[in-house]
């Protein structure tokens, strides 16, 4: 069994490796990019409304995530105000934009400082959140493949020398499932870890059944992912070369970018851009400069919003703690003098 120090070093090494990987991908993708053309897109007056709308739906997505987390915490017996939940969710995403996967842990530890029992229950709700998001991601990918089936088979054909187009639909599905199972087997090689994985999966699924309103939980998940999709789709009109992109094409781009976000680089930098660039250039024959610009604008606005909301949340969270502590000391001082 690895010691606590070994686990900490392993996590730190993982963070460093994926951070360097994200930086290397960004340097590779944008080494010869003309950023002046991007400034023309961002600073264009007609694009301001579209970017504002995208930012608005980004805020909506994060607020809905906070409402969903508050709901899960309630089912776990942890009562928290919505304002407090919003602050902690915003802070967690700010931390994730710098240090991958650390935001969720920080969120749970800040919920009830010093209360290990509450923190562990909060971590359980985060597991349920992640499970729900994985299910939503699978739904988005299946929907994107379904509405753009010909593009998917054509891409497989180019990648396999025409084999993808000769295979029937069920064979393609079996290949995808087989690859997923192989990745799972590689990532969880030990029997003990496999048992732990399925045990946690079952606990997460059963926790959803204990919610007061499972339908409300499902609607919140749908609202979160719809808002995330609109955050990308509303930026399409900012690029004239993407005028042909409708909701079906945008859904395909969004699905591939969301899959890329599974790699734990800071804020998804690198994999997000690569997925969008490859989808637009290989499937839709978009110029590489336009594809790189679109990937950079969509990710840049998301990151900027996360940072702004996170900094505001930090100020209100710790400012509120300071005011409560000050009121308590004042009350204690008055009591001692009466």
C-alpha atoms as a PDB file:
ATOM      1  CA  UNK A   1       0.000   0.000   0.000  1.00  0.00           C
ATOM      2  CA  UNK A   2       1.430   3.409  -0.953  1.00  0.00           C
ATOM      3  CA  UNK A   3       1.945   5.840   1.910  1.00  0.00           C
ATOM      4  CA  UNK A   4       0.256   9.223   2.150  1.00  0.00           C
ATOM      5  CA  UNK A   5       3.509  10.912   1.142  1.00  0.00           C
ATOM      6  CA  UNK A   6       3.835   8.660  -1.910  1.00  0.00           C
ATOM      7  CA  UNK A   7       0.252   9.386  -2.952  1.00  0.00           C
ATOM      8  CA  UNK A   8       0.858  13.127  -2.594  1.00  0.00           C
ATOM      9  CA  UNK A   9       4.028  12.914  -4.690  1.00  0.00           C
ATOM     10  CA  UNK A  10       2.187  10.846  -7.303  1.00  0.00           C
ATOM     11  CA  UNK A  11      -0.635  13.397  -7.533  1.00  0.00           C
ATOM     12  CA  UNK A  12       1.858  16.258  -7.739  1.00  0.00           C
ATOM     13  CA  UNK A  13       3.781  14.480 -10.493  1.00  0.00           C
ATOM     14  CA  UNK A  14       0.537  13.850 -12.400  1.00  0.00           C
ATOM     15  CA  UNK A  15      -0.425  17.511 -12.152  1.00  0.00           C
ATOM     16  CA  UNK A  16       3.007  18.628 -13.358  1.00  0.00           C
ATOM     17  CA  UNK A  17       3.018  16.163 -16.268  1.00  0.00           C
ATOM     18  CA  UNK A  18      -0.437  17.122 -17.542  1.00  0.00           C
ATOM     19  CA  UNK A  19       0.243  20.830 -17.053  1.00  0.00           C
ATOM     20  CA  UNK A  20       3.412  20.553 -19.132  1.00  0.00           C
ATOM     21  CA  UNK A  21       1.488  18.490 -21.695  1.00  0.00           C
ATOM     22  CA  UNK A  22      -1.141  21.238 -21.973  1.00  0.00           C
ATOM     23  CA  UNK A  23       1.524  23.927 -22.377  1.00  0.00           C
ATOM     24  CA  UNK A  24       3.334  21.841 -24.998  1.00  0.00           C
ATOM     25  CA  UNK A  25       0.102  21.269 -26.963  1.00  0.00           C
ATOM     26  CA  UNK A  26      -0.729  24.976 -26.928  1.00  0.00           C
ATOM     27  CA  UNK A  27       2.799  25.860 -28.080  1.00  0.00           C
ATOM     28  CA  UNK A  28       2.577  23.287 -30.878  1.00  0.00           C
ATOM     29  CA  UNK A  29      -0.888  24.377 -32.044  1.00  0.00           C
ATOM     30  CA  UNK A  30      -0.260  28.142 -31.949  1.00  0.00           C
ATOM     31  CA  UNK A  31       3.468  28.527 -32.625  1.00  0.00           C
ATOM     32  CA  UNK A  32       2.852  30.275 -35.977  1.00  0.00           C
ATOM     33  CA  UNK A  33      -0.613  31.716 -35.306  1.00  0.00           C
ATOM     34  CA  UNK A  34      -1.348  35.344 -36.241  1.00  0.00           C
ATOM     35  CA  UNK A  35      -2.966  36.744 -33.106  1.00  0.00           C
ATOM     36  CA  UNK A  36      -3.734  40.066 -34.825  1.00  0.00           C
ATOM     37  CA  UNK A  37      -6.499  38.400 -36.825  1.00  0.00           C
ATOM     38  CA  UNK A  38      -7.974  37.188 -33.547  1.00  0.00           C
ATOM     39  CA  UNK A  39      -8.032  40.714 -32.133  1.00  0.00           C
ATOM     40  CA  UNK A  40     -10.132  41.800 -35.111  1.00  0.00           C
ATOM     41  CA  UNK A  41     -12.713  39.136 -34.238  1.00  0.00           C
ATOM     42  CA  UNK A  42     -12.798  39.943 -30.524  1.00  0.00           C
ATOM     43  CA  UNK A  43     -12.851  43.733 -30.934  1.00  0.00           C
ATOM     44  CA  UNK A  44     -15.462  43.825 -33.712  1.00  0.00           C
ATOM     45  CA  UNK A  45     -18.501  45.787 -32.538  1.00  0.00           C
ATOM     46  CA  UNK A  46     -21.029  43.411 -34.126  1.00  0.00           C
ATOM     47  CA  UNK A  47     -19.562  40.470 -32.205  1.00  0.00           C
ATOM     48  CA  UNK A  48     -19.937  42.022 -28.745  1.00  0.00           C
ATOM     49  CA  UNK A  49     -23.560  40.909 -28.359  1.00  0.00           C
ATOM     50  CA  UNK A  50     -22.757  37.304 -29.292  1.00  0.00           C
ATOM     51  CA  UNK A  51     -19.854  37.171 -26.871  1.00  0.00           C
ATOM     52  CA  UNK A  52     -21.962  38.727 -24.107  1.00  0.00           C
ATOM     53  CA  UNK A  53     -24.674  36.126 -24.696  1.00  0.00           C
ATOM     54  CA  UNK A  54     -22.076  33.330 -24.565  1.00  0.00           C
ATOM     55  CA  UNK A  55     -20.731  34.678 -21.277  1.00  0.00           C
ATOM     56  CA  UNK A  56     -24.266  34.897 -19.893  1.00  0.00           C
ATOM     57  CA  UNK A  57     -24.911  31.218 -20.610  1.00  0.00           C
ATOM     58  CA  UNK A  58     -21.547  30.422 -19.029  1.00  0.00           C
ATOM     59  CA  UNK A  59     -22.760  32.075 -15.825  1.00  0.00           C
ATOM     60  CA  UNK A  60     -26.078  30.218 -16.066  1.00  0.00           C
ATOM     61  CA  UNK A  61     -24.246  26.886 -16.403  1.00  0.00           C
ATOM     62  CA  UNK A  62     -22.161  27.510 -13.280  1.00  0.00           C
ATOM     63  CA  UNK A  63     -25.144  28.699 -11.248  1.00  0.00           C
ATOM     64  CA  UNK A  64     -27.109  25.590 -12.258  1.00  0.00           C
ATOM     65  CA  UNK A  65     -24.124  23.481 -11.187  1.00  0.00           C
ATOM     66  CA  UNK A  66     -24.279  25.185  -7.807  1.00  0.00           C
ATOM     67  CA  UNK A  67     -28.014  24.484  -7.479  1.00  0.00           C
ATOM     68  CA  UNK A  68     -27.398  20.842  -8.421  1.00  0.00           C
ATOM     69  CA  UNK A  69     -24.618  20.521  -5.835  1.00  0.00           C
ATOM     70  CA  UNK A  70     -26.799  22.110  -3.152  1.00  0.00           C
ATOM     71  CA  UNK A  71     -29.474  19.549  -3.994  1.00  0.00           C
ATOM     72  CA  UNK A  72     -26.997  16.669  -3.678  1.00  0.00           C
ATOM     73  CA  UNK A  73     -25.654  18.028  -0.403  1.00  0.00           C
ATOM     74  CA  UNK A  74     -29.195  18.167   0.958  1.00  0.00           C
ATOM     75  CA  UNK A  75     -29.704  14.497   0.089  1.00  0.00           C
ATOM     76  CA  UNK A  76     -26.473  13.744   1.992  1.00  0.00           C
ATOM     77  CA  UNK A  77     -27.713  15.611   5.073  1.00  0.00           C
ATOM     78  CA  UNK A  78     -25.538  18.696   4.581  1.00  0.00           C
ATOM     79  CA  UNK A  79     -27.505  21.929   4.506  1.00  0.00           C
ATOM     80  CA  UNK A  80     -25.887  24.875   2.750  1.00  0.00           C
ATOM     81  CA  UNK A  81     -27.159  28.193   1.471  1.00  0.00           C
ATOM     82  CA  UNK A  82     -27.290  28.655  -2.289  1.00  0.00           C
ATOM     83  CA  UNK A  83     -25.021  31.724  -2.095  1.00  0.00           C
ATOM     84  CA  UNK A  84     -22.427  29.655  -0.243  1.00  0.00           C
ATOM     85  CA  UNK A  85     -22.694  26.814  -2.781  1.00  0.00           C
ATOM     86  CA  UNK A  86     -22.272  29.257  -5.693  1.00  0.00           C
ATOM     87  CA  UNK A  87     -19.160  30.769  -4.112  1.00  0.00           C
ATOM     88  CA  UNK A  88     -17.554  27.365  -3.543  1.00  0.00           C
ATOM     89  CA  UNK A  89     -18.341  26.111  -7.062  1.00  0.00           C
ATOM     90  CA  UNK A  90     -16.902  29.283  -8.611  1.00  0.00           C
ATOM     91  CA  UNK A  91     -13.772  28.958  -6.445  1.00  0.00           C
ATOM     92  CA  UNK A  92     -13.345  25.300  -7.413  1.00  0.00           C
ATOM     93  CA  UNK A  93     -13.421  26.079 -11.132  1.00  0.00           C
ATOM     94  CA  UNK A  94     -10.904  28.884 -10.657  1.00  0.00           C
ATOM     95  CA  UNK A  95      -8.547  26.429  -8.952  1.00  0.00           C
ATOM     96  CA  UNK A  96      -9.131  23.829 -11.692  1.00  0.00           C
ATOM     97  CA  UNK A  97      -8.097  26.379 -14.313  1.00  0.00           C
ATOM     98  CA  UNK A  98      -4.663  26.471 -12.650  1.00  0.00           C
ATOM     99  CA  UNK A  99      -4.329  23.069 -10.954  1.00  0.00           C
ATOM    100  CA  UNK A 100      -6.385  20.278 -12.561  1.00  0.00           C
ATOM    101  CA  UNK A 101      -8.813  18.306 -10.383  1.00  0.00           C
ATOM    102  CA  UNK A 102      -7.827  20.096  -7.152  1.00  0.00           C
ATOM    103  CA  UNK A 103     -10.840  22.404  -7.193  1.00  0.00           C
ATOM    104  CA  UNK A 104     -13.367  19.723  -6.225  1.00  0.00           C
ATOM    105  CA  UNK A 105     -11.327  18.718  -3.167  1.00  0.00           C
ATOM    106  CA  UNK A 106     -10.888  22.355  -2.109  1.00  0.00           C
ATOM    107  CA  UNK A 107     -14.609  22.947  -2.509  1.00  0.00           C
ATOM    108  CA  UNK A 108     -15.434  20.099  -0.125  1.00  0.00           C
ATOM    109  CA  UNK A 109     -12.807  21.109   2.447  1.00  0.00           C
ATOM    110  CA  UNK A 110     -14.042  24.710   2.532  1.00  0.00           C
ATOM    111  CA  UNK A 111     -17.656  23.639   3.012  1.00  0.00           C
ATOM    112  CA  UNK A 112     -17.262  23.029   6.760  1.00  0.00           C
ATOM    113  CA  UNK A 113     -13.721  23.894   7.707  1.00  0.00           C
ATOM    114  CA  UNK A 114     -12.288  21.296  10.088  1.00  0.00           C
ATOM    115  CA  UNK A 115     -15.265  18.912   9.841  1.00  0.00           C
ATOM    116  CA  UNK A 116     -13.929  15.746   8.229  1.00  0.00           C
ATOM    117  CA  UNK A 117     -17.305  13.979   8.227  1.00  0.00           C
ATOM    118  CA  UNK A 118     -18.973  16.758   6.239  1.00  0.00           C
ATOM    119  CA  UNK A 119     -16.015  16.936   3.844  1.00  0.00           C
ATOM    120  CA  UNK A 120     -16.196  13.193   3.119  1.00  0.00           C
ATOM    121  CA  UNK A 121     -19.942  13.370   2.463  1.00  0.00           C
ATOM    122  CA  UNK A 122     -19.374  16.358   0.201  1.00  0.00           C
ATOM    123  CA  UNK A 123     -16.770  14.351  -1.721  1.00  0.00           C
ATOM    124  CA  UNK A 124     -19.419  11.676  -2.214  1.00  0.00           C
ATOM    125  CA  UNK A 125     -21.718  14.260  -3.812  1.00  0.00           C
ATOM    126  CA  UNK A 126     -18.883  15.307  -6.150  1.00  0.00           C
ATOM    127  CA  UNK A 127     -18.605  11.665  -7.263  1.00  0.00           C
ATOM    128  CA  UNK A 128     -22.320  11.713  -8.108  1.00  0.00           C
ATOM    129  CA  UNK A 129     -21.818  14.993  -9.989  1.00  0.00           C
ATOM    130  CA  UNK A 130     -19.029  13.479 -12.049  1.00  0.00           C
ATOM    131  CA  UNK A 131     -21.087  10.378 -12.768  1.00  0.00           C
ATOM    132  CA  UNK A 132     -23.996  12.523 -13.945  1.00  0.00           C
ATOM    133  CA  UNK A 133     -21.689  14.579 -16.175  1.00  0.00           C
ATOM    134  CA  UNK A 134     -20.208  11.420 -17.689  1.00  0.00           C
ATOM    135  CA  UNK A 135     -23.723  10.214 -18.521  1.00  0.00           C
ATOM    136  CA  UNK A 136     -24.510  13.612 -20.087  1.00  0.00           C
ATOM    137  CA  UNK A 137     -21.273  13.487 -22.079  1.00  0.00           C
ATOM    138  CA  UNK A 138     -22.122  10.032 -23.404  1.00  0.00           C
ATOM    139  CA  UNK A 139     -25.561  11.304 -24.415  1.00  0.00           C
ATOM    140  CA  UNK A 140     -24.023  14.304 -26.206  1.00  0.00           C
ATOM    141  CA  UNK A 141     -21.513  12.107 -28.057  1.00  0.00           C
ATOM    142  CA  UNK A 142     -24.214   9.625 -29.125  1.00  0.00           C
ATOM    143  CA  UNK A 143     -26.453  12.497 -30.259  1.00  0.00           C
ATOM    144  CA  UNK A 144     -23.606  14.106 -32.217  1.00  0.00           C
ATOM    145  CA  UNK A 145     -22.703  10.818 -33.919  1.00  0.00           C
ATOM    146  CA  UNK A 146     -26.366  10.168 -34.741  1.00  0.00           C
ATOM    147  CA  UNK A 147     -27.135  13.543 -36.313  1.00  0.00           C
ATOM    148  CA  UNK A 148     -23.854  13.574 -38.251  1.00  0.00           C
ATOM    149  CA  UNK A 149     -23.473   9.847 -38.952  1.00  0.00           C
ATOM    150  CA  UNK A 150     -22.113  10.267 -42.483  1.00  0.00           C
ATOM    151  CA  UNK A 151     -19.356  12.589 -41.242  1.00  0.00           C
ATOM    152  CA  UNK A 152     -18.405  10.120 -38.515  1.00  0.00           C
ATOM    153  CA  UNK A 153     -18.120   7.192 -40.915  1.00  0.00           C
ATOM    154  CA  UNK A 154     -16.236   9.364 -43.409  1.00  0.00           C
ATOM    155  CA  UNK A 155     -13.727  10.347 -40.721  1.00  0.00           C
ATOM    156  CA  UNK A 156     -13.315   6.702 -39.734  1.00  0.00           C
ATOM    157  CA  UNK A 157     -12.839   5.890 -43.401  1.00  0.00           C
ATOM    158  CA  UNK A 158     -10.025   8.424 -43.772  1.00  0.00           C
ATOM    159  CA  UNK A 159      -8.380   7.179 -40.590  1.00  0.00           C
ATOM    160  CA  UNK A 160      -8.644   3.468 -41.522  1.00  0.00           C
ATOM    161  CA  UNK A 161      -8.218   3.611 -45.285  1.00  0.00           C
ATOM    162  CA  UNK A 162     -11.930   3.282 -46.123  1.00  0.00           C
ATOM    163  CA  UNK A 163     -12.643   0.474 -43.649  1.00  0.00           C
ATOM    164  CA  UNK A 164     -15.072   2.616 -41.628  1.00  0.00           C
ATOM    165  CA  UNK A 165     -17.381   3.143 -44.611  1.00  0.00           C
ATOM    166  CA  UNK A 166     -17.550  -0.589 -45.386  1.00  0.00           C
ATOM    167  CA  UNK A 167     -18.492  -1.551 -41.837  1.00  0.00           C
ATOM    168  CA  UNK A 168     -22.169  -1.708 -40.820  1.00  0.00           C
ATOM    169  CA  UNK A 169     -23.396   0.603 -38.079  1.00  0.00           C
ATOM    170  CA  UNK A 170     -23.487  -2.047 -35.358  1.00  0.00           C
ATOM    171  CA  UNK A 171     -19.869  -2.990 -36.088  1.00  0.00           C
ATOM    172  CA  UNK A 172     -18.742   0.605 -35.610  1.00  0.00           C
ATOM    173  CA  UNK A 173     -20.633   0.729 -32.307  1.00  0.00           C
ATOM    174  CA  UNK A 174     -18.977  -2.526 -31.178  1.00  0.00           C
ATOM    175  CA  UNK A 175     -15.549  -1.144 -32.028  1.00  0.00           C
ATOM    176  CA  UNK A 176     -16.215   2.003 -29.998  1.00  0.00           C
ATOM    177  CA  UNK A 177     -17.439  -0.031 -27.008  1.00  0.00           C
ATOM    178  CA  UNK A 178     -14.453  -2.382 -27.321  1.00  0.00           C
ATOM    179  CA  UNK A 179     -11.986   0.504 -27.302  1.00  0.00           C
ATOM    180  CA  UNK A 180     -13.729   1.991 -24.253  1.00  0.00           C
ATOM    181  CA  UNK A 181     -13.491  -1.338 -22.390  1.00  0.00           C
ATOM    182  CA  UNK A 182      -9.824  -1.647 -23.344  1.00  0.00           C
ATOM    183  CA  UNK A 183      -9.074   1.822 -21.996  1.00  0.00           C
ATOM    184  CA  UNK A 184     -10.924   0.956 -18.798  1.00  0.00           C
ATOM    185  CA  UNK A 185      -8.950  -2.272 -18.416  1.00  0.00           C
ATOM    186  CA  UNK A 186      -5.659  -0.455 -18.942  1.00  0.00           C
ATOM    187  CA  UNK A 187      -6.472   2.375 -16.538  1.00  0.00           C
ATOM    188  CA  UNK A 188      -7.716   0.009 -13.799  1.00  0.00           C
ATOM    189  CA  UNK A 189      -5.448  -3.042 -14.040  1.00  0.00           C
ATOM    190  CA  UNK A 190      -5.838  -4.391 -10.536  1.00  0.00           C
ATOM    191  CA  UNK A 191      -8.827  -6.395  -9.348  1.00  0.00           C
ATOM    192  CA  UNK A 192      -9.049  -4.410  -6.119  1.00  0.00           C
ATOM    193  CA  UNK A 193      -9.266  -1.134  -8.013  1.00  0.00           C
ATOM    194  CA  UNK A 194     -11.810  -2.580 -10.411  1.00  0.00           C
ATOM    195  CA  UNK A 195     -14.004  -3.648  -7.497  1.00  0.00           C
ATOM    196  CA  UNK A 196     -13.603  -0.225  -5.880  1.00  0.00           C
ATOM    197  CA  UNK A 197     -14.527   1.503  -9.148  1.00  0.00           C
ATOM    198  CA  UNK A 198     -17.797  -0.398  -9.585  1.00  0.00           C
ATOM    199  CA  UNK A 199     -18.593  -0.081  -5.876  1.00  0.00           C
ATOM    200  CA  UNK A 200     -18.248   3.718  -6.021  1.00  0.00           C
ATOM    201  CA  UNK A 201     -20.221   3.756  -9.262  1.00  0.00           C
ATOM    202  CA  UNK A 202     -23.096   1.897  -7.615  1.00  0.00           C
ATOM    203  CA  UNK A 203     -23.038   4.155  -4.553  1.00  0.00           C
ATOM    204  CA  UNK A 204     -23.212   7.185  -6.812  1.00  0.00           C
ATOM    205  CA  UNK A 205     -26.145   5.781  -8.770  1.00  0.00           C
ATOM    206  CA  UNK A 206     -28.027   4.824  -5.618  1.00  0.00           C
ATOM    207  CA  UNK A 207     -27.498   8.314  -4.175  1.00  0.00           C
ATOM    208  CA  UNK A 208     -29.475   9.782  -7.082  1.00  0.00           C
ATOM    209  CA  UNK A 209     -32.464   7.611  -6.112  1.00  0.00           C
ATOM    210  CA  UNK A 210     -32.463   9.212  -2.635  1.00  0.00           C
ATOM    211  CA  UNK A 211     -33.020  12.691  -4.022  1.00  0.00           C
ATOM    212  CA  UNK A 212     -36.315  14.375  -3.180  1.00  0.00           C
ATOM    213  CA  UNK A 213     -36.865  15.190  -6.861  1.00  0.00           C
ATOM    214  CA  UNK A 214     -34.852  13.045  -9.329  1.00  0.00           C
ATOM    215  CA  UNK A 215     -36.639  14.768 -12.222  1.00  0.00           C
ATOM    216  CA  UNK A 216     -35.381  18.164 -11.045  1.00  0.00           C
ATOM    217  CA  UNK A 217     -31.857  16.734 -10.881  1.00  0.00           C
ATOM    218  CA  UNK A 218     -32.125  15.465 -14.469  1.00  0.00           C
ATOM    219  CA  UNK A 219     -33.467  18.829 -15.645  1.00  0.00           C
ATOM    220  CA  UNK A 220     -30.587  20.629 -13.928  1.00  0.00           C
ATOM    221  CA  UNK A 221     -28.091  18.346 -15.704  1.00  0.00           C
ATOM    222  CA  UNK A 222     -29.804  19.034 -19.026  1.00  0.00           C
ATOM    223  CA  UNK A 223     -29.785  22.782 -18.347  1.00  0.00           C
ATOM    224  CA  UNK A 224     -26.066  22.735 -17.484  1.00  0.00           C
ATOM    225  CA  UNK A 225     -25.058  20.957 -20.666  1.00  0.00           C
ATOM    226  CA  UNK A 226     -27.432  22.971 -22.853  1.00  0.00           C
ATOM    227  CA  UNK A 227     -25.927  26.174 -21.446  1.00  0.00           C
ATOM    228  CA  UNK A 228     -22.411  24.857 -22.105  1.00  0.00           C
ATOM    229  CA  UNK A 229     -23.388  24.039 -25.683  1.00  0.00           C
ATOM    230  CA  UNK A 230     -24.908  27.496 -26.222  1.00  0.00           C
ATOM    231  CA  UNK A 231     -21.749  29.059 -24.798  1.00  0.00           C
ATOM    232  CA  UNK A 232     -19.917  27.593 -27.795  1.00  0.00           C
ATOM    233  CA  UNK A 233     -22.673  27.791 -30.414  1.00  0.00           C
ATOM    234  CA  UNK A 234     -23.342  31.515 -29.876  1.00  0.00           C
ATOM    235  CA  UNK A 235     -19.763  32.329 -30.849  1.00  0.00           C
ATOM    236  CA  UNK A 236     -20.118  30.803 -34.332  1.00  0.00           C
ATOM    237  CA  UNK A 237     -21.527  34.049 -35.890  1.00  0.00           C
ATOM    238  CA  UNK A 238     -18.286  35.813 -34.893  1.00  0.00           C
ATOM    239  CA  UNK A 239     -16.506  33.905 -37.695  1.00  0.00           C
ATOM    240  CA  UNK A 240     -17.775  34.498 -41.244  1.00  0.00           C
ATOM    241  CA  UNK A 241     -16.097  31.322 -42.506  1.00  0.00           C
ATOM    242  CA  UNK A 242     -18.308  29.294 -40.135  1.00  0.00           C
ATOM    243  CA  UNK A 243     -21.596  30.605 -41.533  1.00  0.00           C
ATOM    244  CA  UNK A 244     -22.491  27.073 -42.696  1.00  0.00           C
ATOM    245  CA  UNK A 245     -22.297  25.728 -39.125  1.00  0.00           C
ATOM    246  CA  UNK A 246     -25.738  24.916 -37.742  1.00  0.00           C
ATOM    247  CA  UNK A 247     -26.691  23.286 -34.479  1.00  0.00           C
ATOM    248  CA  UNK A 248     -25.833  19.792 -35.794  1.00  0.00           C
ATOM    249  CA  UNK A 249     -22.296  20.756 -36.791  1.00  0.00           C
ATOM    250  CA  UNK A 250     -21.861  22.748 -33.578  1.00  0.00           C
ATOM    251  CA  UNK A 251     -23.063  19.763 -31.537  1.00  0.00           C
ATOM    252  CA  UNK A 252     -20.392  17.620 -33.158  1.00  0.00           C
ATOM    253  CA  UNK A 253     -17.692  20.178 -32.368  1.00  0.00           C
ATOM    254  CA  UNK A 254     -18.988  20.538 -28.806  1.00  0.00           C
ATOM    255  CA  UNK A 255     -18.999  16.761 -28.284  1.00  0.00           C
ATOM    256  CA  UNK A 256     -15.397  16.380 -29.444  1.00  0.00           C
ATOM    257  CA  UNK A 257     -14.250  19.364 -27.349  1.00  0.00           C
ATOM    258  CA  UNK A 258     -16.012  17.951 -24.272  1.00  0.00           C
ATOM    259  CA  UNK A 259     -14.249  14.617 -24.758  1.00  0.00           C
ATOM    260  CA  UNK A 260     -10.961  16.498 -24.981  1.00  0.00           C
ATOM    261  CA  UNK A 261     -11.701  18.160 -21.632  1.00  0.00           C
ATOM    262  CA  UNK A 262     -11.437  14.735 -19.963  1.00  0.00           C
ATOM    263  CA  UNK A 263      -7.650  15.080 -20.080  1.00  0.00           C
ATOM    264  CA  UNK A 264      -6.690  16.849 -16.827  1.00  0.00           C
ATOM    265  CA  UNK A 265      -4.755  19.792 -18.237  1.00  0.00           C
ATOM    266  CA  UNK A 266      -5.335  23.215 -16.614  1.00  0.00           C
ATOM    267  CA  UNK A 267      -8.775  24.338 -17.767  1.00  0.00           C
ATOM    268  CA  UNK A 268      -8.673  21.826 -20.624  1.00  0.00           C
ATOM    269  CA  UNK A 269      -6.064  23.935 -22.441  1.00  0.00           C
ATOM    270  CA  UNK A 270      -4.608  21.966 -25.329  1.00  0.00           C
ATOM    271  CA  UNK A 271      -7.033  19.032 -25.684  1.00  0.00           C
ATOM    272  CA  UNK A 272     -10.014  21.413 -26.108  1.00  0.00           C
ATOM    273  CA  UNK A 273      -8.232  23.295 -28.889  1.00  0.00           C
ATOM    274  CA  UNK A 274      -6.916  20.182 -30.607  1.00  0.00           C
ATOM    275  CA  UNK A 275     -10.367  18.527 -30.653  1.00  0.00           C
ATOM    276  CA  UNK A 276     -12.055  21.593 -32.167  1.00  0.00           C
ATOM    277  CA  UNK A 277      -9.305  22.191 -34.726  1.00  0.00           C
ATOM    278  CA  UNK A 278      -9.271  18.573 -35.899  1.00  0.00           C
ATOM    279  CA  UNK A 279     -13.079  18.384 -36.099  1.00  0.00           C
ATOM    280  CA  UNK A 280     -13.423  21.594 -38.123  1.00  0.00           C
ATOM    281  CA  UNK A 281     -10.500  20.943 -40.467  1.00  0.00           C
ATOM    282  CA  UNK A 282     -10.856  17.197 -41.041  1.00  0.00           C
ATOM    283  CA  UNK A 283     -14.644  16.886 -41.167  1.00  0.00           C
ATOM    284  CA  UNK A 284     -15.868  20.300 -42.323  1.00  0.00           C
ATOM    285  CA  UNK A 285     -12.825  21.414 -44.361  1.00  0.00           C
ATOM    286  CA  UNK A 286     -12.505  24.693 -42.472  1.00  0.00           C
ATOM    287  CA  UNK A 287      -9.236  26.580 -42.848  1.00  0.00           C
ATOM    288  CA  UNK A 288      -6.766  25.846 -40.086  1.00  0.00           C
ATOM    289  CA  UNK A 289      -6.376  29.521 -39.147  1.00  0.00           C
ATOM    290  CA  UNK A 290     -10.138  29.905 -38.668  1.00  0.00           C
ATOM    291  CA  UNK A 291     -10.366  26.661 -36.689  1.00  0.00           C
ATOM    292  CA  UNK A 292      -7.505  27.688 -34.416  1.00  0.00           C
ATOM    293  CA  UNK A 293      -9.064  31.108 -33.891  1.00  0.00           C
ATOM    294  CA  UNK A 294     -12.473  29.637 -33.035  1.00  0.00           C
ATOM    295  CA  UNK A 295     -10.921  27.193 -30.549  1.00  0.00           C
ATOM    296  CA  UNK A 296      -8.938  29.981 -28.914  1.00  0.00           C
ATOM    297  CA  UNK A 297     -11.908  32.360 -28.617  1.00  0.00           C
ATOM    298  CA  UNK A 298     -14.291  29.732 -27.201  1.00  0.00           C
ATOM    299  CA  UNK A 299     -11.769  28.514 -24.650  1.00  0.00           C
ATOM    300  CA  UNK A 300     -10.451  31.987 -23.871  1.00  0.00           C
ATOM    301  CA  UNK A 301     -13.876  33.390 -23.016  1.00  0.00           C
ATOM    302  CA  UNK A 302     -14.657  30.322 -20.865  1.00  0.00           C
ATOM    303  CA  UNK A 303     -11.372  30.706 -18.991  1.00  0.00           C
ATOM    304  CA  UNK A 304     -11.778  34.466 -18.564  1.00  0.00           C
ATOM    305  CA  UNK A 305     -15.275  33.981 -17.165  1.00  0.00           C
ATOM    306  CA  UNK A 306     -14.122  31.253 -14.753  1.00  0.00           C
ATOM    307  CA  UNK A 307     -11.316  33.468 -13.465  1.00  0.00           C
ATOM    308  CA  UNK A 308     -13.524  36.533 -12.993  1.00  0.00           C
ATOM    309  CA  UNK A 309     -16.276  34.595 -11.233  1.00  0.00           C
ATOM    310  CA  UNK A 310     -13.717  32.760  -9.110  1.00  0.00           C
ATOM    311  CA  UNK A 311     -12.026  35.965  -7.966  1.00  0.00           C
ATOM    312  CA  UNK A 312     -15.373  37.542  -7.080  1.00  0.00           C
ATOM    313  CA  UNK A 313     -16.344  34.370  -5.200  1.00  0.00           C
ATOM    314  CA  UNK A 314     -13.046  34.418  -3.293  1.00  0.00           C
ATOM    315  CA  UNK A 315     -13.687  38.017  -2.246  1.00  0.00           C
ATOM    316  CA  UNK A 316     -17.271  37.411  -1.113  1.00  0.00           C
ATOM    317  CA  UNK A 317     -16.484  34.084   0.592  1.00  0.00           C
ATOM    318  CA  UNK A 318     -13.511  35.237   2.650  1.00  0.00           C
ATOM    319  CA  UNK A 319     -15.002  38.711   3.088  1.00  0.00           C
ATOM    320  CA  UNK A 320     -18.109  37.121   4.589  1.00  0.00           C
ATOM    321  CA  UNK A 321     -15.965  34.961   6.886  1.00  0.00           C
ATOM    322  CA  UNK A 322     -14.078  38.063   8.028  1.00  0.00           C
ATOM    323  CA  UNK A 323     -17.285  39.963   8.769  1.00  0.00           C
ATOM    324  CA  UNK A 324     -18.764  37.028  10.695  1.00  0.00           C
ATOM    325  CA  UNK A 325     -15.587  36.675  12.737  1.00  0.00           C
ATOM    326  CA  UNK A 326     -15.573  40.406  13.437  1.00  0.00           C
ATOM    327  CA  UNK A 327     -19.210  40.362  14.564  1.00  0.00           C
ATOM    328  CA  UNK A 328     -18.486  37.374  16.805  1.00  0.00           C
ATOM    329  CA  UNK A 329     -15.496  39.066  18.443  1.00  0.00           C
ATOM    330  CA  UNK A 330     -17.520  42.241  18.943  1.00  0.00           C
ATOM    331  CA  UNK A 331     -20.360  40.259  20.507  1.00  0.00           C
ATOM    332  CA  UNK A 332     -17.920  38.399  22.785  1.00  0.00           C
ATOM    333  CA  UNK A 333     -16.266  41.664  23.804  1.00  0.00           C
ATOM    334  CA  UNK A 334     -19.639  43.222  24.700  1.00  0.00           C
ATOM    335  CA  UNK A 335     -20.595  40.148  26.708  1.00  0.00           C
ATOM    336  CA  UNK A 336     -17.402  40.273  28.695  1.00  0.00           C
ATOM    337  CA  UNK A 337     -18.102  43.882  29.677  1.00  0.00           C
ATOM    338  CA  UNK A 338     -21.705  43.354  30.790  1.00  0.00           C
END
